[in-house]
Amino acid sequence: MMSQAFASAVSRTGVVLRWNRRSLSTARILRSVTRQRLATSTAFIKSCQSGNYIPASTFHLQQYVRQYANEKKVFERTKPHCNVGTIGHVDHGKTTLTAAITKVLADKQLAESKKYNEIDNAPEEKARGITINVAHVEYQTETRHYGHTDCPGHADYIKNMITGTAQMDGAILVVAATDGAMPQTREHMLLAKQIGIDHIVVFINKVDAADQEMVELVEMEIRELLTEMGYDGDKIPVVKGSALCALEDKNPEIGSEAILKLLEEVDNFIPTPVRELDKPFLLPVENVYSIPGRGTVVTGRLERGVVKKGMECEFVGYNKVLKSTVTGVEMFHQILEEAQAGDQLGALVRGVKRDDIKRGMVMCKPGSVKALDQLEAQVYILSKEEGGRTKPFMSFIQLQMFSRTWDCAVQVQIPDKEMVMPGEDTKLILRLIRPMVLEQGQRFTLRDGNLTLGTGVVTNVMPALTESQRSELTEGKKAREKKVAAKK
């Protein structure tokens, strides 16, 4: 007999079930039902754990899931939105600071507290104790709503760091007082400047583990390095504190008070960006997910325009153009009636599968952009002192090009001279191994192995490569020399 308590629980949840003598796992029973609401009924969960009940009708469960989806909170745009993030060397405390910010603001009802392991939540991240993928959290201050990106600091994951930094309006540079400036501190500063982040606030972390003289030396070193990278090192705000103390409610002066001081500096020093709301929408795809029963979700930062439910869209890149329709828009698990440029959003789309879409593609207004494989650009080649190459390079060098959320192998052509020296500003023609979305004025970074070679801006888009030109992209040096000799 079905217990009275269970019958009552079933009645409250509105789910129709039937008796079955087969033993089924709890996961099987709850697969298509949102657990958050069912968890409120202890009797329901306990009864399910016996493995005696399974859904009598998928239709009823789908109805239930839709009902829960409709109950999601609607995001209210009462404050200007700004995207910031933490950058800096591995193990200097970027993720700990992110967790500390959410905890301190949660005490003021301005955020939902996130623990360290909720931010670094991938199995490999937990095992190695480092950030690998970028992570996003949400919080508010008294004056702004923030989307915060926690970037990986390890040199092996610089590609993910570039993706994360490309989405920021400003950055928080985290430096450990125990170490000072380290290799990735310098590289992250350099990449942030190249990508176009003009406003940085510095947080000197772990001051509880260093003496005052060391902290002052680190501040001087960082200000000098910022000036060297093209920032105004004397005017950039520097806040000293301990993210761990803030998390553990110890020593408020360097703990929670330092976090609040940091956020005050971020509010005041990083200006509210002007968004391009009147242009056709464009969203570089950062991640793609499949939600059973709902469809495919793409995430990323909306670069320009506005996106609403019901709008037609197109996915462009990797030799594909896929048509779709936006069926829902959310930001940090809250429903958006209208997503605006700058929002870190998730868009539910219809008619495309998860495997059809890749990170690096763009979701855009149909017909508004094209994928290109040849462009002209003005590029600054870093000098040795700036972390670049020590030797010049010539035409046909193969590099890796990073822009928005994609990266692609490119072949370099030097139109006006034989070679380019480190420290030069030059015009280059870049040929991509596959067509990607590029527009005039778009910024990019060129890397050669583990070195950042230079940064540039697209000055002109060129006609598509012919078949013979495309075959030349994969030719070796000897094959090119044979062709030249044959023409003589």
Protein backbone atom coordinates (compact mmCIF):
# COMPACT_ATOMS: atom_id res chain seq x y z
CA MET A 1 0.00 0.00 0.00
CA MET A 2 1.19 3.51 -0.76
CA SER A 3 1.87 5.31 2.54
CA GLN A 4 -0.33 8.26 3.46
CA ALA A 5 2.74 10.51 3.85
CA PHE A 6 3.96 9.56 0.38
CA ALA A 7 0.51 10.05 -1.14
CA SER A 8 0.45 13.50 0.42
CA ALA A 9 3.91 14.26 -0.99
CA VAL A 10 2.85 13.13 -4.45
CA SER A 11 -0.21 15.33 -4.24
CA ARG A 12 1.88 18.37 -3.31
CA THR A 13 4.41 17.88 -6.10
CA GLY A 14 1.72 17.19 -8.70
CA VAL A 15 3.65 14.23 -10.17
CA VAL A 16 1.72 11.08 -11.17
CA LEU A 17 3.50 7.83 -10.21
CA ARG A 18 2.69 4.14 -10.37
CA TRP A 19 3.79 1.03 -8.47
CA ASN A 20 6.46 -1.17 -10.03
CA ARG A 21 8.21 -4.14 -8.50
CA ARG A 22 11.48 -3.59 -10.37
CA SER A 23 14.35 -2.01 -8.44
CA LEU A 24 15.24 1.39 -9.91
CA SER A 25 17.91 3.89 -8.87
CA THR A 26 16.94 7.26 -7.41
CA ALA A 27 18.80 8.97 -10.27
CA ARG A 28 16.59 7.16 -12.81
CA ILE A 29 13.43 8.29 -11.01
CA LEU A 30 14.54 11.91 -10.66
CA ARG A 31 16.29 12.27 -14.04
CA SER A 32 13.76 14.55 -15.70
CA VAL A 33 12.47 16.23 -12.56
CA THR A 34 14.04 19.34 -11.05
CA ARG A 35 15.49 18.26 -7.73
CA GLN A 36 15.43 21.66 -6.08
CA ARG A 37 11.66 21.66 -5.62
CA LEU A 38 11.33 17.93 -4.90
CA ALA A 39 13.91 18.23 -2.14
CA THR A 40 11.34 20.18 -0.12
CA SER A 41 9.33 16.98 0.26
CA THR A 42 11.30 14.60 2.52
CA ALA A 43 8.59 11.95 2.26
CA PHE A 44 8.84 11.98 -1.55
CA ILE A 45 12.62 11.51 -1.55
CA LYS A 46 12.56 8.77 1.08
CA SER A 47 9.88 6.89 -0.79
CA CYS A 48 11.76 7.22 -4.09
CA GLN A 49 14.92 5.79 -2.50
CA SER A 50 13.15 2.47 -2.02
CA GLY A 51 13.08 2.17 -5.81
CA ASN A 52 9.40 1.25 -5.90
CA TYR A 53 8.00 4.20 -7.84
CA ILE A 54 8.59 5.41 -11.37
CA PRO A 55 6.85 8.09 -13.44
CA ALA A 56 3.57 6.87 -14.93
CA SER A 57 3.58 9.62 -17.52
CA THR A 58 6.49 11.57 -18.98
CA PHE A 59 3.92 14.19 -19.95
CA HIS A 60 3.23 15.02 -16.29
CA LEU A 61 6.95 15.33 -15.53
CA GLN A 62 7.49 17.63 -18.52
CA GLN A 63 4.60 19.74 -17.27
CA TYR A 64 6.24 19.92 -13.88
CA VAL A 65 9.64 20.95 -15.29
CA ARG A 66 8.01 23.67 -17.40
CA GLN A 67 6.13 24.90 -14.33
CA TYR A 68 9.39 25.18 -12.38
CA ALA A 69 11.12 26.96 -15.30
CA ASN A 70 8.33 29.53 -15.34
CA GLU A 71 8.90 30.20 -11.63
CA LYS A 72 12.53 31.32 -12.19
CA LYS A 73 13.28 34.81 -10.99
CA VAL A 74 13.22 37.57 -13.60
CA PHE A 75 16.36 39.73 -13.65
CA GLU A 76 15.58 43.36 -12.79
CA ARG A 77 17.94 45.86 -14.41
CA THR A 78 18.08 48.51 -11.66
CA LYS A 79 21.85 49.19 -11.78
CA PRO A 80 24.38 49.61 -14.61
CA HIS A 81 26.11 46.33 -15.51
CA CYS A 82 29.90 46.01 -15.69
CA ASN A 83 32.16 43.03 -16.43
CA VAL A 84 35.31 42.67 -14.34
CA GLY A 85 37.61 39.78 -13.50
CA THR A 86 40.67 38.56 -11.64
CA ILE A 87 43.98 38.10 -13.47
CA GLY A 88 47.48 37.30 -12.22
CA HIS A 89 50.01 34.54 -11.57
CA VAL A 90 48.99 31.00 -10.57
CA ASP A 91 48.43 30.51 -6.80
CA HIS A 92 48.40 34.24 -6.02
CA GLY A 93 44.81 33.98 -4.79
CA LYS A 94 42.53 34.96 -7.68
CA THR A 95 39.86 32.34 -6.96
CA THR A 96 40.15 32.88 -3.20
CA LEU A 97 39.58 36.61 -3.77
CA THR A 98 36.56 35.88 -5.98
CA ALA A 99 35.09 33.69 -3.22
CA ALA A 100 35.90 36.35 -0.59
CA ILE A 101 34.11 39.07 -2.60
CA THR A 102 30.93 36.98 -2.79
CA LYS A 103 31.09 36.17 0.95
CA VAL A 104 31.58 39.77 2.09
CA LEU A 105 28.80 41.01 -0.21
CA ALA A 106 26.51 38.12 0.81
CA ASP A 107 26.64 39.51 4.36
CA LYS A 108 25.14 42.70 2.90
CA GLN A 109 22.54 40.76 0.83
CA LEU A 110 24.27 41.89 -2.38
CA ALA A 111 25.50 38.48 -3.58
CA GLU A 112 25.16 34.76 -3.13
CA SER A 113 28.20 33.42 -1.29
CA LYS A 114 30.31 31.05 -3.42
CA LYS A 115 32.87 28.73 -1.88
CA TYR A 116 36.29 28.20 -3.45
CA ASN A 117 35.38 24.70 -4.67
CA GLU A 118 32.15 25.99 -6.23
CA ILE A 119 34.18 28.33 -8.45
CA ASP A 120 36.94 25.80 -9.29
CA ASN A 121 34.42 23.01 -9.80
CA ALA A 122 35.91 20.85 -12.56
CA PRO A 123 37.44 17.54 -11.30
CA GLU A 124 40.89 18.39 -12.69
CA GLU A 125 40.77 21.85 -11.10
CA LYS A 126 39.95 20.32 -7.72
CA ALA A 127 42.65 17.67 -8.07
CA ARG A 128 45.39 20.12 -9.06
CA GLY A 129 44.19 23.05 -6.97
CA ILE A 130 44.40 25.50 -9.89
CA THR A 131 41.93 27.24 -12.19
CA ILE A 132 41.85 25.83 -15.74
CA ASN A 133 38.65 27.18 -17.29
CA VAL A 134 37.25 30.65 -16.76
CA ALA A 135 34.46 30.83 -14.18
CA HIS A 136 31.71 33.43 -13.87
CA VAL A 137 30.02 34.74 -10.71
CA GLU A 138 27.53 37.53 -10.09
CA TYR A 139 27.41 40.20 -7.39
CA GLN A 140 26.34 43.78 -6.76
CA THR A 141 27.71 46.81 -4.98
CA GLU A 142 25.60 49.78 -3.91
CA THR A 143 26.04 51.38 -7.35
CA ARG A 144 26.57 48.55 -9.90
CA HIS A 145 25.73 45.01 -10.96
CA TYR A 146 28.86 42.95 -11.81
CA GLY A 147 29.62 39.88 -13.86
CA HIS A 148 32.96 38.61 -12.53
CA THR A 149 35.29 36.35 -14.55
CA ASP A 150 37.90 34.31 -12.68
CA CYS A 151 40.77 33.64 -15.12
CA PRO A 152 43.33 30.80 -14.95
CA GLY A 153 46.85 31.91 -14.02
CA HIS A 154 48.76 28.83 -15.10
CA ALA A 155 50.90 29.29 -18.23
CA ASP A 156 49.42 26.11 -19.77
CA TYR A 157 45.95 27.68 -19.88
CA ILE A 158 46.78 31.10 -21.36
CA LYS A 159 44.30 30.41 -24.20
CA ASN A 160 41.44 30.29 -21.66
CA MET A 161 42.81 33.40 -19.97
CA ILE A 162 42.67 35.33 -23.28
CA THR A 163 39.04 34.24 -23.75
CA GLY A 164 38.14 35.41 -20.25
CA THR A 165 39.96 38.72 -20.52
CA ALA A 166 38.30 39.53 -23.86
CA GLN A 167 34.97 39.72 -22.01
CA MET A 168 36.06 42.27 -19.38
CA ASP A 169 35.49 46.02 -19.08
CA GLY A 170 38.12 46.25 -16.34
CA ALA A 171 40.37 43.91 -14.36
CA ILE A 172 41.54 43.21 -10.81
CA LEU A 173 45.23 42.25 -10.88
CA VAL A 174 46.00 39.93 -7.94
CA VAL A 175 49.61 39.85 -6.70
CA ALA A 176 50.83 37.85 -3.70
CA ALA A 177 52.81 39.92 -1.20
CA THR A 178 54.96 36.83 -0.58
CA ASP A 179 56.12 36.58 -4.24
CA GLY A 180 55.70 39.94 -5.95
CA ALA A 181 55.51 40.10 -9.75
CA MET A 182 55.91 36.69 -11.40
CA PRO A 183 55.98 35.56 -15.08
CA GLN A 184 52.20 35.31 -15.53
CA THR A 185 51.70 38.61 -13.67
CA ARG A 186 53.65 40.28 -16.44
CA GLU A 187 52.05 38.27 -19.26
CA HIS A 188 48.50 38.86 -18.00
CA MET A 189 49.16 42.62 -17.77
CA LEU A 190 50.53 42.61 -21.29
CA LEU A 191 47.61 40.64 -22.73
CA ALA A 192 45.08 42.79 -20.86
CA LYS A 193 46.59 45.92 -22.42
CA GLN A 194 46.67 44.37 -25.89
CA ILE A 195 43.08 43.16 -25.69
CA GLY A 196 41.98 46.67 -24.78
CA ILE A 197 41.50 46.68 -20.99
CA ASP A 198 42.48 50.22 -20.07
CA HIS A 199 41.50 50.16 -16.39
CA ILE A 200 43.10 47.90 -13.78
CA VAL A 201 42.83 47.89 -9.98
CA VAL A 202 45.57 46.03 -8.05
CA PHE A 203 44.95 43.81 -5.01
CA ILE A 204 48.10 42.83 -3.10
CA ASN A 205 47.03 39.58 -1.46
CA LYS A 206 48.48 37.50 1.41
CA VAL A 207 49.68 40.56 3.37
CA ASP A 208 49.17 38.51 6.55
CA ALA A 209 52.08 36.30 5.44
CA ALA A 210 54.57 39.09 4.61
CA ASP A 211 56.17 41.93 6.56
CA GLN A 212 55.30 45.58 5.90
CA GLU A 213 58.58 46.33 4.11
CA MET A 214 58.00 43.46 1.67
CA VAL A 215 54.45 44.67 0.94
CA GLU A 216 55.74 48.18 0.15
CA LEU A 217 58.44 46.78 -2.15
CA VAL A 218 55.85 44.70 -4.02
CA GLU A 219 53.66 47.80 -4.49
CA MET A 220 56.61 49.77 -5.93
CA GLU A 221 57.50 46.88 -8.24
CA ILE A 222 53.92 46.53 -9.52
CA ARG A 223 53.55 50.28 -10.15
CA GLU A 224 56.79 50.27 -12.18
CA LEU A 225 55.64 47.24 -14.16
CA LEU A 226 52.25 48.83 -14.89
CA THR A 227 53.99 51.95 -16.20
CA GLU A 228 56.25 49.79 -18.38
CA MET A 229 53.16 48.08 -19.84
CA GLY A 230 51.56 51.38 -20.85
CA TYR A 231 49.34 52.04 -17.81
CA ASP A 232 49.59 55.02 -15.47
CA GLY A 233 51.29 53.17 -12.63
CA ASP A 234 51.24 56.14 -10.26
CA LYS A 235 47.46 56.65 -10.45
CA ILE A 236 46.22 53.04 -10.47
CA PRO A 237 44.58 52.15 -7.13
CA VAL A 238 46.41 49.53 -5.05
CA VAL A 239 44.57 47.80 -2.18
CA LYS A 240 46.37 45.56 0.33
CA GLY A 241 44.65 42.73 2.17
CA SER A 242 44.12 39.01 2.63
CA ALA A 243 41.34 37.19 0.81
CA LEU A 244 41.77 34.20 3.14
CA CYS A 245 41.25 36.37 6.23
CA ALA A 246 38.04 37.71 4.66
CA LEU A 247 36.83 34.15 3.98
CA GLU A 248 37.63 32.99 7.51
CA ASP A 249 36.32 36.14 9.27
CA LYS A 250 39.74 36.94 10.71
CA ASN A 251 41.48 40.30 11.11
CA PRO A 252 38.78 42.55 9.51
CA GLU A 253 41.26 45.34 8.74
CA ILE A 254 43.05 43.25 6.10
CA GLY A 255 40.08 40.92 5.55
CA SER A 256 36.50 42.09 4.94
CA GLU A 257 37.35 45.81 5.17
CA ALA A 258 40.06 45.42 2.50
CA ILE A 259 37.57 43.61 0.23
CA LEU A 260 35.05 46.46 0.61
CA LYS A 261 37.82 48.99 -0.07
CA LEU A 262 38.76 47.06 -3.24
CA LEU A 263 35.16 47.09 -4.48
CA GLU A 264 34.91 50.82 -3.76
CA GLU A 265 38.00 51.41 -5.92
CA VAL A 266 36.55 49.21 -8.68
CA ASP A 267 33.30 51.23 -8.56
CA ASN A 268 35.16 54.53 -8.77
CA PHE A 269 38.12 53.75 -11.05
CA ILE A 270 36.60 51.48 -13.72
CA PRO A 271 34.14 53.60 -15.74
CA THR A 272 30.73 52.31 -16.75
CA PRO A 273 31.19 51.31 -20.41
CA VAL A 274 29.09 52.80 -23.19
CA ARG A 275 27.24 49.94 -24.90
CA GLU A 276 26.40 49.66 -28.62
CA LEU A 277 22.70 48.84 -28.27
CA ASP A 278 21.59 50.12 -31.69
CA LYS A 279 23.77 47.75 -33.77
CA PRO A 280 22.87 44.20 -34.95
CA PHE A 281 23.48 41.80 -32.07
CA LEU A 282 26.62 39.68 -31.91
CA LEU A 283 27.56 37.12 -29.27
CA PRO A 284 30.91 35.26 -29.45
CA VAL A 285 30.17 31.73 -28.22
CA GLU A 286 32.18 30.75 -25.14
CA ASN A 287 30.49 27.46 -24.19
CA VAL A 288 27.72 25.18 -25.48
CA TYR A 289 25.48 22.96 -23.35
CA SER A 290 22.61 20.58 -23.97
CA ILE A 291 19.71 20.61 -21.49
CA PRO A 292 17.50 17.51 -21.72
CA GLY A 293 13.94 18.43 -22.53
CA ARG A 294 14.76 22.06 -23.32
CA GLY A 295 17.37 22.23 -26.08
CA THR A 296 20.78 23.76 -26.71
CA VAL A 297 22.19 26.63 -24.65
CA VAL A 298 25.05 28.88 -25.79
CA THR A 299 26.83 31.19 -23.36
CA GLY A 300 29.04 34.23 -23.78
CA ARG A 301 29.18 37.98 -23.41
CA LEU A 302 26.89 39.90 -25.76
CA GLU A 303 29.28 42.20 -27.61
CA ARG A 304 26.69 44.52 -29.11
CA GLY A 305 22.97 44.95 -29.72
CA VAL A 306 20.06 43.39 -27.83
CA VAL A 307 18.68 39.83 -27.79
CA LYS A 308 15.09 38.86 -26.98
CA LYS A 309 13.10 35.65 -26.94
CA GLY A 310 11.71 34.86 -30.40
CA MET A 311 14.48 36.58 -32.40
CA GLU A 312 15.93 34.83 -35.45
CA CYS A 313 19.68 34.20 -35.23
CA GLU A 314 22.58 32.67 -37.12
CA PHE A 315 25.71 30.80 -35.99
CA VAL A 316 28.75 31.58 -38.16
CA GLY A 317 32.26 30.08 -38.13
CA TYR A 318 34.24 26.90 -38.91
CA ASN A 319 32.84 26.82 -42.48
CA LYS A 320 29.27 26.70 -41.15
CA VAL A 321 26.24 29.00 -41.20
CA LEU A 322 23.42 27.61 -39.03
CA LYS A 323 20.03 29.26 -38.72
CA SER A 324 18.12 29.16 -35.43
CA THR A 325 15.66 30.97 -33.15
CA VAL A 326 16.23 32.23 -29.61
CA THR A 327 13.63 30.61 -27.32
CA GLY A 328 14.89 31.95 -23.99
CA VAL A 329 17.53 34.24 -22.47
CA GLU A 330 19.01 34.04 -18.96
CA MET A 331 21.80 35.69 -16.98
CA PHE A 332 23.14 33.96 -13.85
CA HIS A 333 20.04 31.68 -13.74
CA GLN A 334 17.61 34.59 -13.92
CA ILE A 335 15.28 35.20 -16.85
CA LEU A 336 16.12 38.20 -19.04
CA GLU A 337 13.30 39.89 -20.90
CA GLU A 338 15.94 41.65 -23.00
CA ALA A 339 19.68 40.96 -23.00
CA GLN A 340 21.80 44.04 -23.69
CA ALA A 341 25.38 44.47 -24.90
CA GLY A 342 27.76 43.63 -22.05
CA ASP A 343 25.52 40.99 -20.46
CA GLN A 344 27.08 37.60 -19.66
CA LEU A 345 24.18 35.47 -20.84
CA GLY A 346 22.92 32.04 -21.77
CA ALA A 347 20.66 31.79 -24.82
CA LEU A 348 18.39 28.79 -25.39
CA VAL A 349 18.20 28.13 -29.13
CA ARG A 350 16.00 25.89 -31.27
CA GLY A 351 16.82 23.64 -34.22
CA VAL A 352 20.55 23.17 -33.61
CA LYS A 353 22.35 20.42 -31.70
CA ARG A 354 25.15 20.88 -29.21
CA ASP A 355 27.66 19.18 -31.53
CA ASP A 356 26.78 21.60 -34.36
CA ILE A 357 28.04 24.64 -32.44
CA LYS A 358 31.62 25.22 -31.28
CA ARG A 359 33.30 27.73 -29.04
CA GLY A 360 34.60 30.51 -31.28
CA MET A 361 31.53 30.72 -33.52
CA VAL A 362 29.37 33.83 -33.20
CA MET A 363 25.62 34.05 -32.72
CA CYS A 364 24.41 37.06 -34.69
CA LYS A 365 21.57 38.70 -36.56
CA PRO A 366 21.12 36.76 -39.84
CA GLY A 367 23.30 38.17 -42.63
CA SER A 368 25.06 40.75 -40.43
CA VAL A 369 28.56 39.16 -40.44
CA LYS A 370 30.67 36.89 -42.65
CA ALA A 371 33.49 34.45 -42.04
CA LEU A 372 36.76 35.53 -43.71
CA ASP A 373 40.10 33.85 -44.30
CA GLN A 374 42.30 36.76 -45.46
CA LEU A 375 42.83 40.20 -43.94
CA GLU A 376 45.16 43.16 -43.75
CA ALA A 377 46.18 44.34 -40.29
CA GLN A 378 48.35 46.85 -38.48
CA VAL A 379 50.39 44.91 -35.93
CA TYR A 380 52.79 45.91 -33.16
CA ILE A 381 55.53 43.29 -32.67
CA LEU A 382 56.68 43.06 -29.06
CA SER A 383 60.31 43.70 -28.23
CA LYS A 384 62.45 41.30 -26.19
CA GLU A 385 62.03 43.52 -23.12
CA GLU A 386 58.23 43.31 -23.46
CA GLY A 387 58.32 39.51 -23.49
CA GLY A 388 58.37 39.08 -27.29
CA ARG A 389 60.76 37.41 -29.74
CA THR A 390 64.48 38.05 -29.74
CA LYS A 391 64.87 37.56 -33.53
CA PRO A 392 63.14 39.03 -36.60
CA PHE A 393 60.71 36.96 -38.68
CA MET A 394 59.95 36.72 -42.41
CA SER A 395 56.96 35.92 -44.60
CA PHE A 396 55.32 32.47 -44.38
CA ILE A 397 55.84 32.14 -40.63
CA GLN A 398 52.96 30.18 -39.05
CA LEU A 399 51.44 31.75 -35.91
CA GLN A 400 48.36 31.31 -33.73
CA MET A 401 45.81 34.13 -33.86
CA PHE A 402 43.48 34.80 -30.90
CA SER A 403 40.39 37.00 -31.18
CA ARG A 404 37.12 37.06 -29.21
CA THR A 405 36.65 33.43 -28.11
CA TRP A 406 38.41 31.70 -31.02
CA ASP A 407 41.98 30.92 -32.03
CA CYS A 408 43.21 29.81 -35.42
CA ALA A 409 46.49 29.06 -37.19
CA VAL A 410 47.53 31.82 -39.62
CA GLN A 411 50.22 32.31 -42.23
CA VAL A 412 51.89 35.73 -42.26
CA GLN A 413 52.75 37.70 -45.42
CA ILE A 414 54.92 40.83 -45.15
CA PRO A 415 53.92 43.04 -48.12
CA ASP A 416 56.43 45.91 -47.93
CA LYS A 417 59.75 44.41 -46.77
CA GLU A 418 61.69 41.19 -46.25
CA MET A 419 61.53 40.90 -42.47
CA VAL A 420 60.04 42.47 -39.33
CA MET A 421 62.11 43.26 -36.24
CA PRO A 422 60.93 42.99 -32.61
CA GLY A 423 59.57 46.38 -31.44
CA GLU A 424 58.32 47.37 -34.92
CA ASP A 425 54.85 48.58 -35.91
CA THR A 426 54.09 47.04 -39.30
CA LYS A 427 51.45 46.13 -41.87
CA LEU A 428 50.84 42.39 -42.31
CA ILE A 429 48.58 40.20 -44.45
CA LEU A 430 47.21 37.26 -42.47
CA ARG A 431 45.81 34.12 -44.10
CA LEU A 432 43.69 31.91 -41.84
CA ILE A 433 43.69 28.13 -42.08
CA ARG A 434 39.87 28.25 -41.82
CA PRO A 435 37.40 31.13 -42.24
CA MET A 436 36.39 32.88 -39.00
CA VAL A 437 34.25 35.94 -38.27
CA LEU A 438 36.37 39.08 -38.64
CA GLU A 439 35.40 42.74 -38.95
CA GLN A 440 37.27 45.95 -39.61
CA GLY A 441 38.56 47.37 -36.32
CA GLN A 442 38.58 43.98 -34.57
CA ARG A 443 41.51 43.44 -32.18
CA PHE A 444 43.57 40.26 -31.98
CA THR A 445 46.70 38.75 -30.46
CA LEU A 446 49.39 36.72 -32.26
CA ARG A 447 51.32 34.03 -30.38
CA ASP A 448 54.31 31.93 -31.38
CA GLY A 449 54.34 28.84 -29.17
CA ASN A 450 54.43 30.11 -25.58
CA LEU A 451 55.40 33.65 -26.60
CA THR A 452 53.07 36.54 -27.32
CA LEU A 453 54.51 37.87 -30.58
CA GLY A 454 52.32 40.93 -31.08
CA THR A 455 48.94 42.56 -31.05
CA GLY A 456 47.01 44.14 -33.90
CA VAL A 457 43.82 45.49 -35.36
CA VAL A 458 42.09 44.51 -38.61
CA THR A 459 42.41 47.42 -41.06
CA ASN A 460 40.94 45.81 -44.18
CA VAL A 461 39.10 42.61 -45.09
CA MET A 462 40.34 40.97 -48.29
CA PRO A 463 38.79 38.61 -50.90
CA ALA A 464 38.52 34.94 -49.96
CA LEU A 465 41.52 32.72 -50.70
CA THR A 466 41.50 30.76 -53.95
CA GLU A 467 41.98 26.98 -53.86
CA SER A 468 45.63 27.33 -54.93
CA GLN A 469 46.29 29.96 -52.25
CA ARG A 470 44.63 27.74 -49.65
CA SER A 471 46.81 24.76 -50.62
CA GLU A 472 49.88 27.00 -50.20
CA LEU A 473 49.02 27.50 -46.52
CA THR A 474 50.17 23.97 -45.72
CA GLU A 475 53.18 23.93 -48.07
CA GLY A 476 56.63 23.51 -46.60
CA LYS A 477 59.65 25.74 -47.21
CA LYS A 478 61.21 23.38 -49.77
CA ALA A 479 58.01 23.24 -51.86
CA ARG A 480 57.91 27.07 -51.99
CA GLU A 481 61.59 27.24 -53.01
CA LYS A 482 60.95 24.75 -55.84
CA LYS A 483 58.09 26.87 -57.17
CA VAL A 484 60.25 30.02 -57.12
CA ALA A 485 63.10 28.19 -58.91
CA ALA A 486 60.69 26.86 -61.57
CA LYS A 487 59.49 30.38 -62.39
CA LYS A 488 63.02 31.67 -63.03
